[in-house]
Protein backbone atom coordinates (compact mmCIF):
# COMPACT_ATOMS: atom_id res chain seq x y z
CA MET A 1 0.00 0.00 0.00
CA GLU A 2 1.35 3.43 -0.92
CA THR A 3 1.29 5.48 2.31
CA GLY A 4 1.70 8.75 0.43
CA ASN A 5 -1.56 8.15 -1.41
CA PHE A 6 -3.19 7.07 1.86
CA PHE A 7 -2.33 10.33 3.63
CA ARG A 8 -3.35 12.46 0.64
CA GLU A 9 -6.73 10.77 0.43
CA LEU A 10 -7.21 10.97 4.20
CA ASP A 11 -6.45 14.71 4.13
CA SER A 12 -8.98 15.11 1.34
CA ILE A 13 -11.66 13.30 3.36
CA PHE A 14 -11.01 15.49 6.38
CA GLN A 15 -11.35 18.58 4.19
CA THR A 16 -14.68 17.67 2.63
CA LYS A 17 -16.40 15.04 4.79
CA ASN A 18 -16.85 14.08 8.44
CA ILE A 19 -14.82 11.97 10.83
CA SER A 20 -17.00 8.88 10.44
CA ASP A 21 -16.09 8.79 6.72
CA ALA A 22 -12.42 9.12 7.68
CA GLU A 23 -12.74 6.28 10.19
CA LYS A 24 -14.26 3.95 7.57
CA PHE A 25 -11.48 4.80 5.12
CA VAL A 26 -8.72 4.19 7.69
CA ILE A 27 -10.22 0.84 8.82
CA ASN A 28 -10.47 -0.30 5.18
CA SER A 29 -6.86 0.76 4.63
CA MET A 30 -5.75 -1.22 7.71
CA GLU A 31 -7.52 -4.31 6.43
CA ARG A 32 -5.85 -3.93 3.03
CA ALA A 33 -2.38 -3.47 4.58
CA LEU A 34 -2.95 -6.54 6.76
CA GLU A 35 -4.01 -8.65 3.77
CA GLU A 36 -0.87 -7.53 1.90
CA LYS A 37 1.27 -8.10 5.03
CA ASP A 38 2.52 -4.54 4.52
CA PHE A 39 3.48 -3.97 8.17
CA PRO A 40 5.21 -0.57 7.74
CA SER A 41 2.01 0.82 6.17
CA LEU A 42 -0.07 -0.93 8.82
CA LEU A 43 1.93 0.92 11.51
CA ALA A 44 1.28 4.31 9.89
CA VAL A 45 -2.43 3.61 9.45
CA ALA A 46 -2.80 2.30 13.03
CA ASN A 47 -1.43 5.58 14.36
CA GLU A 48 -4.05 7.48 12.37
CA LEU A 49 -6.90 5.28 13.59
CA GLY A 50 -5.75 5.75 17.18
CA GLY A 51 -5.94 9.49 16.65
CA ILE A 52 -9.51 9.23 15.39
CA TYR A 53 -10.49 7.17 18.42
CA ARG A 54 -8.84 9.75 20.70
CA VAL A 55 -10.69 12.79 19.33
CA THR A 56 -13.98 10.89 19.51
CA ASN A 57 -13.29 10.04 23.18
CA ARG A 58 -13.03 6.28 22.60
CA PHE A 59 -9.97 5.98 24.78
CA GLU A 60 -10.01 2.21 25.37
CA GLU A 61 -10.18 1.55 21.63
CA ALA A 62 -7.38 4.07 21.06
CA MET A 63 -5.14 2.37 23.62
CA LYS A 64 -5.79 -1.03 22.02
CA ILE A 65 -4.90 0.21 18.55
CA TYR A 66 -1.71 1.84 19.84
CA GLY A 67 -0.94 -1.49 21.49
CA VAL A 68 -1.09 -2.99 17.99
CA ALA A 69 1.26 -0.23 16.81
CA ALA A 70 3.70 -1.05 19.64
CA ASP A 71 3.67 -4.74 18.63
CA LEU A 72 4.42 -3.74 15.03
CA ILE A 73 7.34 -1.60 16.17
CA ARG A 74 8.87 -4.60 17.95
CA LEU A 75 8.11 -6.87 14.98
CA LEU A 76 9.81 -4.47 12.56
CA GLY A 77 12.78 -3.80 14.88
CA LEU A 78 11.95 -0.11 15.13
CA GLU A 79 12.55 0.41 18.85
CA ASN A 80 13.99 3.87 19.62
CA THR A 81 13.30 5.11 16.09
CA ILE A 82 11.24 8.13 15.11
CA GLN A 83 8.26 5.84 14.44
CA HIS A 84 8.59 4.52 17.98
CA GLY A 85 8.70 8.07 19.38
CA THR A 86 5.62 9.08 17.36
CA THR A 87 3.64 6.10 18.68
CA LEU A 88 4.64 6.94 22.27
CA LEU A 89 3.55 10.54 21.66
CA ASN A 90 0.19 9.41 20.32
CA LEU A 91 -0.41 6.93 23.13
CA GLY A 92 0.53 9.60 25.67
CA SER A 93 -2.08 11.97 24.26
CA VAL A 94 -4.75 9.30 24.84
CA HIS A 95 -3.67 8.91 28.48
CA THR A 96 -3.83 12.70 28.89
CA GLU A 97 -7.39 12.90 27.57
CA ALA A 98 -8.32 9.90 29.72
CA LYS A 99 -7.20 11.90 32.79
CA GLU A 100 -4.05 9.87 33.25
CA ALA A 101 -1.58 12.74 32.79
CA ALA A 102 1.15 11.29 35.00
CA GLU A 103 1.24 8.11 32.86
CA ALA A 104 1.25 10.28 29.73
CA LEU A 105 4.31 12.21 30.91
CA LYS A 106 6.30 8.97 31.30
CA LEU A 107 5.61 8.17 27.65
CA TYR A 108 6.32 11.74 26.53
CA LYS A 109 9.73 11.78 28.24
CA LYS A 110 10.71 8.55 26.48
CA ALA A 111 9.63 10.09 23.18
CA GLU A 112 11.62 13.27 23.95
CA ILE A 113 14.83 11.25 24.35
CA ILE A 114 14.17 9.40 21.07
CA PHE A 115 13.47 12.62 19.13
CA ARG A 116 16.52 14.38 20.56
CA ASN A 117 18.80 11.45 19.69
CA ALA A 118 17.35 11.51 16.16
CA GLY A 119 18.27 15.21 15.79
CA LEU A 120 14.69 16.50 15.82
CA ASP A 121 15.25 19.35 18.28
CA GLN A 122 13.96 21.89 15.76
CA ASP A 123 11.47 19.60 14.01
CA TYR A 124 7.67 19.81 14.05
CA GLN A 125 7.43 16.47 15.87
CA MET A 126 9.38 17.87 18.80
CA ALA A 127 7.09 20.91 18.88
CA ALA A 128 4.03 18.62 18.91
CA LEU A 129 5.58 16.66 21.77
CA TYR A 130 6.22 19.86 23.76
CA ASN A 131 2.61 20.96 23.25
CA ASN A 132 1.38 17.61 24.54
CA MET A 133 3.68 17.78 27.54
CA SER A 134 2.37 21.26 28.29
CA HIS A 135 -1.16 19.89 28.20
CA ALA A 136 -0.28 17.05 30.59
CA TYR A 137 1.38 19.41 33.08
CA ASP A 138 -1.66 21.65 32.88
CA LYS A 139 -3.87 18.67 33.77
CA LEU A 140 -1.63 18.07 36.79
CA GLU A 141 -2.05 21.73 37.89
CA MET A 142 1.63 22.54 37.33
CA PRO A 143 1.33 25.92 35.55
CA VAL A 144 5.04 26.83 35.50
CA GLU A 145 6.02 23.58 33.75
CA ALA A 146 2.98 23.83 31.46
CA MET A 147 3.96 27.36 30.39
CA GLY A 148 7.58 26.35 29.85
CA TYR A 149 6.78 23.53 27.44
CA ALA A 150 4.21 25.65 25.60
CA GLU A 151 6.89 28.28 25.01
CA LYS A 152 9.34 25.61 23.81
CA ALA A 153 6.76 24.33 21.28
CA PHE A 154 6.00 27.82 20.06
CA ALA A 155 9.69 28.65 19.61
CA VAL A 156 10.20 25.61 17.36
CA ILE A 157 7.02 25.98 15.28
CA ARG A 158 7.59 29.70 14.73
CA LYS A 159 10.72 28.91 12.67
CA LEU A 160 9.10 26.29 10.42
CA LYS A 161 7.34 26.93 7.10
CA GLY A 162 4.24 25.10 5.91
CA TYR A 163 2.92 24.34 9.40
CA GLU A 164 0.17 26.95 9.67
CA THR A 165 -2.29 24.65 11.48
CA GLU A 166 0.37 23.56 13.96
CA LEU A 167 1.37 27.19 14.57
CA ALA A 168 -2.24 28.13 15.28
CA THR A 169 -2.56 25.18 17.67
CA SER A 170 0.61 26.25 19.49
CA CYS A 171 -0.72 29.81 19.77
CA THR A 172 -3.91 28.45 21.33
CA THR A 173 -1.99 26.28 23.80
CA LEU A 174 0.28 29.16 24.78
CA ALA A 175 -2.74 31.45 25.22
CA ALA A 176 -4.32 28.96 27.61
CA ARG A 177 -1.14 28.85 29.69
CA CYS A 178 -0.95 32.66 29.75
CA ALA A 179 -4.54 32.85 30.97
CA LYS A 180 -3.74 30.45 33.80
CA VAL A 181 -1.06 32.83 35.12
CA GLN A 182 -3.25 35.93 34.64
CA LYS A 183 -1.51 37.21 31.49
CA GLN A 184 -4.82 38.05 29.79
CA GLU A 185 -3.54 40.49 27.18
CA GLU A 186 -0.86 38.09 26.01
CA ALA A 187 -3.47 35.31 25.87
CA LEU A 188 -5.75 37.44 23.69
CA GLN A 189 -2.87 38.30 21.37
CA TYR A 190 -1.99 34.64 20.82
CA LEU A 191 -5.64 33.66 20.29
CA ARG A 192 -6.16 36.44 17.75
CA GLU A 193 -3.14 35.15 15.84
CA ALA A 194 -4.50 31.59 15.91
CA GLU A 195 -7.95 32.77 14.82
CA GLU A 196 -6.47 34.64 11.86
CA ILE A 197 -4.49 31.57 10.74
CA PHE A 198 -7.48 29.22 10.99
CA ARG A 199 -9.74 31.64 9.10
CA LYS A 200 -7.37 31.68 6.13
CA LEU A 201 -7.03 27.91 5.83
CA PRO A 202 -8.78 26.44 2.74
CA GLY A 203 -11.65 23.93 2.91
CA LYS A 204 -14.03 23.37 5.80
CA PRO A 205 -13.03 24.67 9.25
CA ASN A 206 -10.10 22.79 10.78
CA PRO A 207 -11.21 20.73 13.82
CA HIS A 208 -8.55 22.39 16.01
CA TYR A 209 -10.16 25.77 15.27
CA ALA A 210 -12.86 24.86 17.81
CA ALA A 211 -10.33 24.96 20.68
CA THR A 212 -9.27 28.47 19.66
CA LEU A 213 -12.86 29.67 19.49
CA ASN A 214 -13.72 28.09 22.82
CA SER A 215 -10.67 29.72 24.44
CA LEU A 216 -11.70 33.10 23.05
CA GLY A 217 -15.18 32.55 24.46
CA GLU A 218 -13.76 31.72 27.89
CA LEU A 219 -11.48 34.75 27.82
CA PHE A 220 -14.31 37.16 26.96
CA TYR A 221 -16.55 35.53 29.55
CA ARG A 222 -13.96 36.14 32.26
CA ARG A 223 -13.75 39.75 31.09
CA GLY A 224 -17.50 40.15 31.49
CA ASN A 225 -18.16 40.52 27.74
CA ARG A 226 -20.83 37.83 27.51
CA GLU A 227 -22.08 38.86 24.06
CA GLU A 228 -18.66 38.12 22.54
CA ALA A 229 -18.36 34.95 24.62
CA VAL A 230 -21.68 33.67 23.26
CA ARG A 231 -20.60 34.42 19.69
CA TYR A 232 -17.36 32.45 20.03
CA PHE A 233 -18.93 29.50 21.85
CA GLU A 234 -21.60 29.25 19.12
CA LYS A 235 -18.93 29.23 16.40
CA ALA A 236 -16.95 26.59 18.30
CA LEU A 237 -20.03 24.34 18.44
CA GLU A 238 -20.52 24.69 14.68
CA VAL A 239 -16.94 23.56 14.02
CA ILE A 240 -17.17 20.60 16.43
CA ARG A 241 -20.52 19.48 15.02
CA GLU A 242 -19.26 19.67 11.44
CA ASN A 243 -16.11 17.66 12.18
CA TYR A 244 -17.04 15.27 15.00
CA GLY A 245 -20.77 15.51 15.64
CA GLU A 246 -22.11 16.10 19.14
CA ASN A 247 -19.31 14.46 21.14
CA GLN A 248 -17.93 15.11 24.62
CA SER A 249 -16.21 18.33 23.50
CA PHE A 250 -19.53 19.52 22.07
CA ALA A 251 -21.19 18.90 25.45
CA GLU A 252 -18.47 20.82 27.31
CA VAL A 253 -18.65 23.84 25.00
CA SER A 254 -22.45 23.72 25.22
CA LYS A 255 -22.16 24.14 28.99
CA ASN A 256 -19.92 27.15 28.43
CA LEU A 257 -22.48 28.61 26.05
CA ILE A 258 -25.35 28.17 28.50
CA LYS A 259 -23.29 29.83 31.24
CA ALA A 260 -22.42 32.76 28.97
CA ARG A 261 -25.95 33.22 27.69
CA ASP A 262 -27.50 33.45 31.16
CA GLY A 263 -29.10 36.87 31.36
CA VAL A 264 -27.83 37.93 27.94
CA ILE A 265 -29.63 38.43 24.65
CA PRO A 266 -27.05 38.68 21.85
CA GLN A 267 -26.68 42.25 20.63
CA GLY A 268 -28.79 43.05 17.59
CA LYS A 269 -30.36 39.60 17.64
CA ARG A 270 -33.65 38.63 19.23
CA MET A 271 -33.70 35.27 21.01
CA LYS A 272 -36.31 32.99 19.45
CA GLY A 273 -38.77 31.25 21.76
CA LEU A 274 -37.51 27.73 21.04
CA ALA A 275 -33.94 28.72 21.90
CA LEU A 276 -35.18 30.45 25.05
CA SER A 277 -37.10 27.32 26.03
CA GLU A 278 -34.14 24.99 25.50
CA ALA A 279 -31.77 27.25 27.42
CA TYR A 280 -34.28 27.51 30.29
CA PHE A 281 -34.55 23.73 30.41
CA ASN A 282 -30.77 23.28 30.37
CA GLU A 283 -30.30 25.87 33.11
CA HIS A 284 -33.19 25.03 35.45
CA GLY A 285 -35.10 21.98 34.17
CA ARG A 286 -32.20 19.57 34.20
CA LYS A 287 -31.38 20.43 37.80
CA MET A 288 -35.03 19.97 38.82
CA ILE A 289 -35.10 16.51 37.24
CA GLU A 290 -31.68 15.36 38.45
CA GLU A 291 -32.29 16.47 42.03
CA GLY A 292 -35.98 15.61 42.39
CA PHE A 293 -36.81 12.85 39.89
CA PRO A 294 -33.63 11.07 38.75
CA GLU A 295 -35.33 7.66 38.74
CA TYR A 296 -38.00 8.96 36.33
CA LYS A 297 -35.67 10.58 33.81
CA ARG A 298 -35.65 7.43 31.68
CA TYR A 299 -39.40 7.82 31.12
CA MET A 300 -39.32 11.47 30.00
CA ALA A 301 -39.56 13.20 26.65
CA ILE A 302 -38.69 16.89 26.97
CA GLY A 303 -39.09 19.77 24.53
CA LEU A 304 -41.47 22.45 23.32
CA VAL A 305 -44.27 21.34 20.98
CA GLY A 306 -47.82 22.62 20.57
CA GLU A 307 -49.67 25.91 20.44
CA GLY A 308 -47.89 29.25 20.19
CA SER A 309 -45.97 31.02 17.46
CA GLU A 310 -42.66 30.08 19.11
CA CYS A 311 -43.39 26.39 18.53
CA PHE A 312 -43.51 27.07 14.78
CA GLY A 313 -40.47 29.35 14.95
CA PHE A 314 -42.63 32.28 13.80
CA ASP A 315 -42.41 34.41 16.96
CA ASP A 316 -41.27 38.03 16.96
CA GLU A 317 -41.36 41.00 19.34
CA LEU A 318 -45.15 41.22 19.10
CA SER A 319 -45.44 37.59 20.21
CA GLU A 320 -44.04 38.47 23.62
CA SER A 321 -47.15 40.37 24.72
CA HIS A 322 -48.81 37.19 26.04
CA ASP A 323 -48.30 33.44 26.46
CA PHE A 324 -44.61 33.75 25.65
CA GLY A 325 -41.60 33.23 27.86
CA PRO A 326 -39.43 30.63 29.59
CA GLY A 327 -41.00 27.21 29.79
CA PHE A 328 -40.85 23.69 28.39
CA CYS A 329 -42.86 20.46 28.31
CA ILE A 330 -42.23 17.11 29.98
CA TRP A 331 -44.20 14.19 28.53
CA LEU A 332 -44.57 10.91 30.42
CA PRO A 333 -46.25 7.58 29.64
CA ASP A 334 -49.76 7.72 31.09
CA GLU A 335 -49.15 5.18 33.87
CA ILE A 336 -46.05 7.10 35.06
CA TYR A 337 -47.88 10.40 34.75
CA GLN A 338 -50.66 9.11 36.97
CA SER A 339 -48.20 8.18 39.72
CA ILE A 340 -45.78 11.11 39.68
CA GLY A 341 -47.34 13.78 37.45
CA ARG A 342 -48.83 15.90 40.23
CA LYS A 343 -45.61 16.02 42.24
CA MET A 344 -43.60 16.85 39.12
CA LYS A 345 -46.03 19.65 38.22
CA GLU A 346 -45.54 21.16 41.68
CA ALA A 347 -41.77 21.08 41.22
CA TYR A 348 -42.13 22.63 37.77
CA GLU A 349 -44.22 25.48 39.19
CA ARG A 350 -41.41 26.28 41.63
CA LEU A 351 -38.94 26.97 38.80
CA PRO A 352 -37.89 30.63 38.28
CA LYS A 353 -40.57 32.67 36.50
CA GLU A 354 -38.07 34.97 34.84
CA PHE A 355 -35.17 33.99 32.59
CA TRP A 356 -32.97 36.13 30.38
CA GLY A 357 -35.21 39.07 31.19
CA LYS A 358 -38.33 37.28 29.89
CA ARG A 359 -41.39 36.55 32.03
CA ARG A 360 -44.43 34.64 30.80
CA ILE A 361 -47.71 36.61 30.79
CA GLU A 362 -50.22 33.79 30.63
CA THR A 363 -53.80 34.27 29.45
CA PHE A 364 -56.72 31.97 30.23
CA GLU A 365 -56.73 30.72 26.64
CA GLY A 366 -52.97 30.19 26.64
CA GLY A 367 -52.83 28.17 29.85
CA GLY A 368 -51.68 24.58 29.82
CA ARG A 369 -49.23 24.92 26.95
CA ILE A 370 -46.17 24.13 29.06
CA GLY A 371 -45.53 21.89 32.04
CA VAL A 372 -45.96 18.16 32.66
CA PHE A 373 -48.24 15.99 30.47
CA SER A 374 -49.28 12.45 29.70
CA ILE A 375 -48.02 11.50 26.24
CA GLN A 376 -51.29 9.80 25.34
CA GLU A 377 -53.50 12.64 26.63
CA PHE A 378 -51.39 15.25 24.84
CA TYR A 379 -52.03 13.67 21.45
CA LYS A 380 -55.64 12.83 22.25
CA LYS A 381 -56.35 16.46 23.15
CA TYR A 382 -55.35 17.67 19.70
CA ILE A 383 -55.97 14.89 17.19
CA GLY A 384 -58.60 12.78 18.95
CA CYS A 385 -56.47 9.67 19.40
CA SER A 386 -53.66 8.83 21.81
CA GLY A 387 -51.04 8.17 19.17
CA ILE A 388 -50.72 7.46 15.47
CA PRO A 389 -54.25 7.08 14.01
CA ALA A 390 -55.16 3.41 13.80
CA ASP A 391 -56.91 3.49 10.41
CA HIS A 392 -57.89 5.72 7.50
CA LEU A 393 -61.00 7.07 9.21
CA GLU A 394 -59.06 8.18 12.28
CA TRP A 395 -56.61 9.89 9.98
CA LEU A 396 -59.43 11.58 8.07
CA PHE A 397 -61.05 12.94 11.21
CA ALA A 398 -57.82 14.21 12.80
CA PRO A 399 -57.92 18.01 12.32
CA GLU A 400 -55.36 19.14 9.78
CA THR A 401 -54.14 22.15 11.75
CA SER A 402 -53.95 20.06 14.93
CA LEU A 403 -51.64 17.60 13.19
CA SER A 404 -49.45 20.61 12.43
CA THR A 405 -49.59 21.61 16.10
CA VAL A 406 -48.38 18.26 17.46
CA THR A 407 -45.54 17.93 14.96
CA ASN A 408 -44.00 21.41 15.30
CA GLY A 409 -41.42 22.65 17.80
CA LYS A 410 -38.41 20.69 19.00
CA LEU A 411 -37.60 17.74 21.24
CA PHE A 412 -34.62 18.34 23.50
CA GLU A 413 -34.51 14.79 24.83
CA ASP A 414 -36.59 11.63 24.53
CA ASN A 415 -35.28 8.89 26.75
CA PRO A 416 -37.97 6.19 26.22
CA GLY A 417 -38.54 7.16 22.56
CA GLU A 418 -42.34 6.78 22.62
CA PHE A 419 -43.07 10.46 21.95
CA THR A 420 -40.59 10.39 19.07
CA ARG A 421 -42.15 7.21 17.67
CA ILE A 422 -45.59 8.84 17.51
CA ARG A 423 -44.19 12.11 16.21
CA THR A 424 -42.23 10.34 13.46
CA GLY A 425 -45.32 8.38 12.43
CA LEU A 426 -47.37 11.57 12.17
CA LEU A 427 -44.65 13.42 10.27
CA ALA A 428 -44.68 10.63 7.69
CA PHE A 429 -47.93 12.35 6.64
CA TYR A 430 -51.36 11.04 5.70
CA PRO A 431 -51.77 7.57 4.20
CA GLU A 432 -52.14 8.04 0.46
CA ASP A 433 -55.86 7.11 0.43
CA VAL A 434 -56.56 9.91 2.91
CA ARG A 435 -54.41 12.42 1.03
CA LEU A 436 -56.20 11.59 -2.22
CA LYS A 437 -59.59 12.03 -0.56
CA LYS A 438 -58.60 15.41 0.80
CA LEU A 439 -57.17 16.47 -2.56
CA ALA A 440 -60.39 15.48 -4.35
CA ALA A 441 -62.41 17.56 -1.87
CA ARG A 442 -60.06 20.54 -2.32
CA MET A 443 -60.22 20.32 -6.08
CA ALA A 444 -64.01 20.30 -6.02
CA MET A 445 -64.08 23.28 -3.67
CA LEU A 446 -61.56 25.25 -5.75
CA SER A 447 -63.70 24.70 -8.83
CA GLN A 448 -66.91 25.61 -7.06
CA THR A 449 -65.66 28.77 -5.33
CA GLY A 450 -63.09 30.17 -7.75
CA GLN A 451 -63.81 28.73 -11.17
CA TYR A 452 -67.59 29.00 -10.95
CA ASN A 453 -69.34 30.81 -8.07
CA TYR A 454 -67.18 33.90 -7.51
CA GLU A 455 -67.91 35.46 -10.92
CA ARG A 456 -71.63 34.55 -10.76
CA CYS A 457 -71.98 36.14 -7.31
CA MET A 458 -70.36 39.35 -8.52
CA LYS A 459 -72.57 39.53 -11.61
CA ARG A 460 -75.61 39.23 -9.32
CA ASN A 461 -74.19 41.98 -7.05
CA GLU A 462 -74.09 39.49 -4.17
CA HIS A 463 -70.91 41.03 -2.77
CA ALA A 464 -71.01 39.27 0.61
CA ALA A 465 -71.34 35.88 -1.09
CA ALA A 466 -68.57 36.81 -3.54
CA TYR A 467 -66.32 37.80 -0.62
CA LEU A 468 -66.95 34.47 1.12
CA SER A 469 -66.42 32.60 -2.13
CA CYS A 470 -63.04 34.25 -2.69
CA SER A 471 -62.06 33.71 0.94
CA GLU A 472 -62.93 30.01 0.76
CA PHE A 473 -60.99 29.68 -2.49
CA ILE A 474 -57.89 31.19 -0.89
CA ARG A 475 -58.05 28.97 2.19
CA THR A 476 -58.65 25.86 0.08
CA ALA A 477 -55.81 26.72 -2.29
CA VAL A 478 -53.41 27.10 0.65
CA SER A 479 -54.47 23.74 2.05
CA THR A 480 -54.03 22.13 -1.37
CA VAL A 481 -50.48 23.46 -1.64
CA TYR A 482 -49.65 21.97 1.77
CA LEU A 483 -51.17 18.61 0.78
CA LEU A 484 -49.11 18.54 -2.40
CA ASN A 485 -46.00 19.27 -0.33
CA ARG A 486 -46.95 16.52 2.16
CA ARG A 487 -46.98 19.01 5.01
CA TYR A 488 -49.75 19.79 7.52
CA MET A 489 -51.22 23.28 7.24
CA PRO A 490 -50.98 25.41 10.43
CA PHE A 491 -54.04 27.29 11.67
CA TYR A 492 -55.14 30.37 9.71
CA LYS A 493 -52.82 32.87 11.42
CA TRP A 494 -49.69 31.07 10.25
CA MET A 495 -50.75 29.26 7.10
CA PHE A 496 -49.26 31.89 4.78
CA ARG A 497 -46.09 32.26 6.81
CA GLY A 498 -45.59 28.50 6.70
CA MET A 499 -45.84 28.48 2.90
CA GLU A 500 -42.42 30.15 2.77
CA GLU A 501 -40.90 26.83 3.87
CA LEU A 502 -42.59 24.73 1.16
CA LEU A 503 -40.75 23.62 -1.99
CA ARG A 504 -43.60 22.91 -4.40
CA LEU A 505 -45.89 25.65 -5.79
CA ARG A 506 -44.09 28.44 -3.93
CA GLU A 507 -45.16 30.82 -6.69
CA VAL A 508 -48.81 30.42 -5.62
CA LYS A 509 -48.32 32.31 -2.33
CA PRO A 510 -47.84 35.82 -3.84
CA MET A 511 -50.72 35.17 -6.24
CA LEU A 512 -53.04 34.36 -3.33
CA GLU A 513 -51.82 37.43 -1.46
CA GLN A 514 -52.59 39.56 -4.49
CA LEU A 515 -56.03 37.98 -4.72
CA ALA A 516 -56.72 38.75 -1.06
CA SER A 517 -55.70 42.39 -1.42
CA MET A 518 -57.93 43.14 -4.45
CA GLN A 519 -61.33 44.67 -3.75
CA ASP A 520 -64.48 42.95 -5.01
CA THR A 521 -65.46 45.52 -7.62
CA HIS A 522 -66.82 44.98 -11.11
CA GLU A 523 -63.58 46.44 -12.49
CA ASN A 524 -61.58 43.70 -10.73
CA ILE A 525 -63.76 40.72 -11.64
CA LYS A 526 -61.81 39.81 -14.77
CA ASN A 527 -58.40 40.09 -13.06
CA LYS A 528 -59.46 38.12 -9.97
CA VAL A 529 -60.99 35.33 -12.03
CA ALA A 530 -57.82 35.20 -14.17
CA ILE A 531 -55.67 34.81 -11.04
CA MET A 532 -57.93 32.03 -9.72
CA GLU A 533 -57.75 30.21 -13.04
CA GLU A 534 -53.96 30.52 -13.12
CA ILE A 535 -53.69 29.12 -9.59
CA CYS A 536 -55.93 26.19 -10.54
CA ALA A 537 -53.82 25.57 -13.64
CA LYS A 538 -50.63 25.43 -11.55
CA ILE A 539 -52.29 23.04 -9.10
CA ARG A 540 -53.46 20.85 -11.98
CA ASP A 541 -49.90 20.77 -13.36
CA GLU A 542 -48.50 19.69 -9.98
CA LEU A 543 -51.22 17.04 -9.63
CA GLU A 544 -50.16 15.67 -13.00
CA THR A 545 -46.48 15.77 -12.00
CA GLN A 546 -47.32 13.64 -8.98
CA GLY A 547 -49.23 11.16 -11.15
CA ILE A 548 -52.64 11.99 -9.64
CA VAL A 549 -54.45 13.46 -12.67
CA LYS A 550 -54.13 13.18 -16.44
CA GLY A 551 -55.37 15.37 -19.25
CA PRO A 552 -55.15 19.13 -19.88
CA ASP A 553 -58.63 20.19 -18.69
CA PRO A 554 -58.03 23.24 -16.39
CA PHE A 555 -61.40 22.78 -14.62
CA LEU A 556 -60.34 20.89 -11.51
CA ASN A 557 -63.76 19.41 -10.80
CA SER A 558 -63.56 17.39 -14.00
CA HIS A 559 -60.66 15.38 -12.50
CA CYS A 560 -62.28 14.62 -9.12
CA ARG A 561 -63.89 11.34 -10.17
CA ASP A 562 -60.54 10.05 -11.46
CA VAL A 563 -58.83 10.96 -8.20
CA MET A 564 -61.53 9.21 -6.18
CA SER A 565 -61.04 6.09 -8.31
CA LEU A 566 -57.41 5.86 -7.11
CA ILE A 567 -58.56 5.33 -3.51
CA SER A 568 -58.47 1.72 -2.29
CA ASP A 569 -60.29 1.87 1.06
CA PRO A 570 -64.05 1.63 0.29
CA ARG A 571 -64.92 3.53 3.49
CA ILE A 572 -63.08 6.55 2.06
CA LYS A 573 -63.78 5.93 -1.59
CA ASN A 574 -67.57 5.88 -1.13
CA LEU A 575 -67.77 9.20 0.74
CA PRO A 576 -69.14 12.25 -1.12
CA VAL A 577 -66.43 14.00 -3.14
CA MET A 578 -66.60 17.21 -1.13
CA PHE A 579 -66.71 15.50 2.25
CA ASP A 580 -63.62 16.27 4.30
CA ALA A 581 -63.50 16.42 8.09
CA ARG A 582 -60.80 19.05 8.12
């Protein structure tokens, strides 16, 4: 196996893909090297796989793979060579991350002797070793030694060309050591240099960039500049998620972000209700559960789903006038809710009423949106059944906007998975028989209101009837667009706003808005009818694209019988065309 090609391809994967793709590639390369009995290549690849295990916090696996590397070194007679020193360095870094810094230092000192004897005093590998030794001493709370080795690493790297990433990493390490001995200005200077280097690197953000961003966040937090701290912690999380997913480092930076956000709304940026809810849960809800109900945590689903603009992500400043503020939902299986629900509600009510300067002003109508609920009763309240509808009739009678209500928002955690199972089943959308029935009813209504009755009402000077006819056409057209996008339509206040997120028939939204804004005058009849006909034509085209109708007839009602014929369930198929329990 050609190791040069291996490292080039691995670098390419790290630039464009995620660490799981890199892991698969390295494991496949190890298997190939083993089959070919190419032990030198196997040694190089094993060191890379150990590094992947280390950054994903799989320390036992990393130690095992470095054990394989050590065996290969003995097999190949490479004791006290540079390869041996590199393996000791890598194994030491695993021990450091596994909180075994003293053991790591023993390995590092052996590697230092090997590198020095090989003449690597001014080589990158020696600088990497010094950085790792600095990290180990820092873990042991030995700041003088930690600073000394960080300075040694920086002095070596500074003289080398083509090691921009390593220089940035050394700057970050040195900044952390400066901060420990209260040299804040020097720390900021080094971090700014590292940030500038990482920003200029090509490709996706380097995974080590996250450490620089997190350090900047910590520095600004200590200085009392929480807005800047929040900005850097958020950027660090983006880099970690893109490279490693939500691993242990992600969890640690998340804690820093929560701490920095407490009491702060980022400058020039309004905090959305879902983010407010999640932060409130992380700050206060978790503690309530861990201290008062740890044995019940495994039964809980936690998040914010239901009524309220914030659950749809549509909230703004006006939304804060009522039924808006810190709060979240806990859902429990009904039998658990019956035994502990009341006590948990009492604990929930004792949580702080104000968070990040927001306090909930609850109206009578808006009560009961947050707190502790039975999973089954939550769904039954909105859609009439305690979970996924059992058959086509239950689906048909579940209110369309209520299905939107129970599938919006966000789940923060779901330990038993039952809430998620129901939610996923509902998000899969209506069974096709039910969708076809609803589409047939919509098509008939669009024809009746827009392609037939509106113009007749206007010609008879029945302006109230014409107004209602146009209004019904608009509402039906919106619902049809949602059905063709396989999305549930929210209630009337948000149905137009939600159309912005749909992919199919997006051009219909401004046409409907124009229709709604035009007065019902005789001068506008021709234009309004033309808009209705154009909307119906676009809907017909999409129906044909989805294989539901055939033929060019623009009058939607003429296709209803054909759509009904596609339905298999006789209980649905034999209903009147316009029947729809929406």
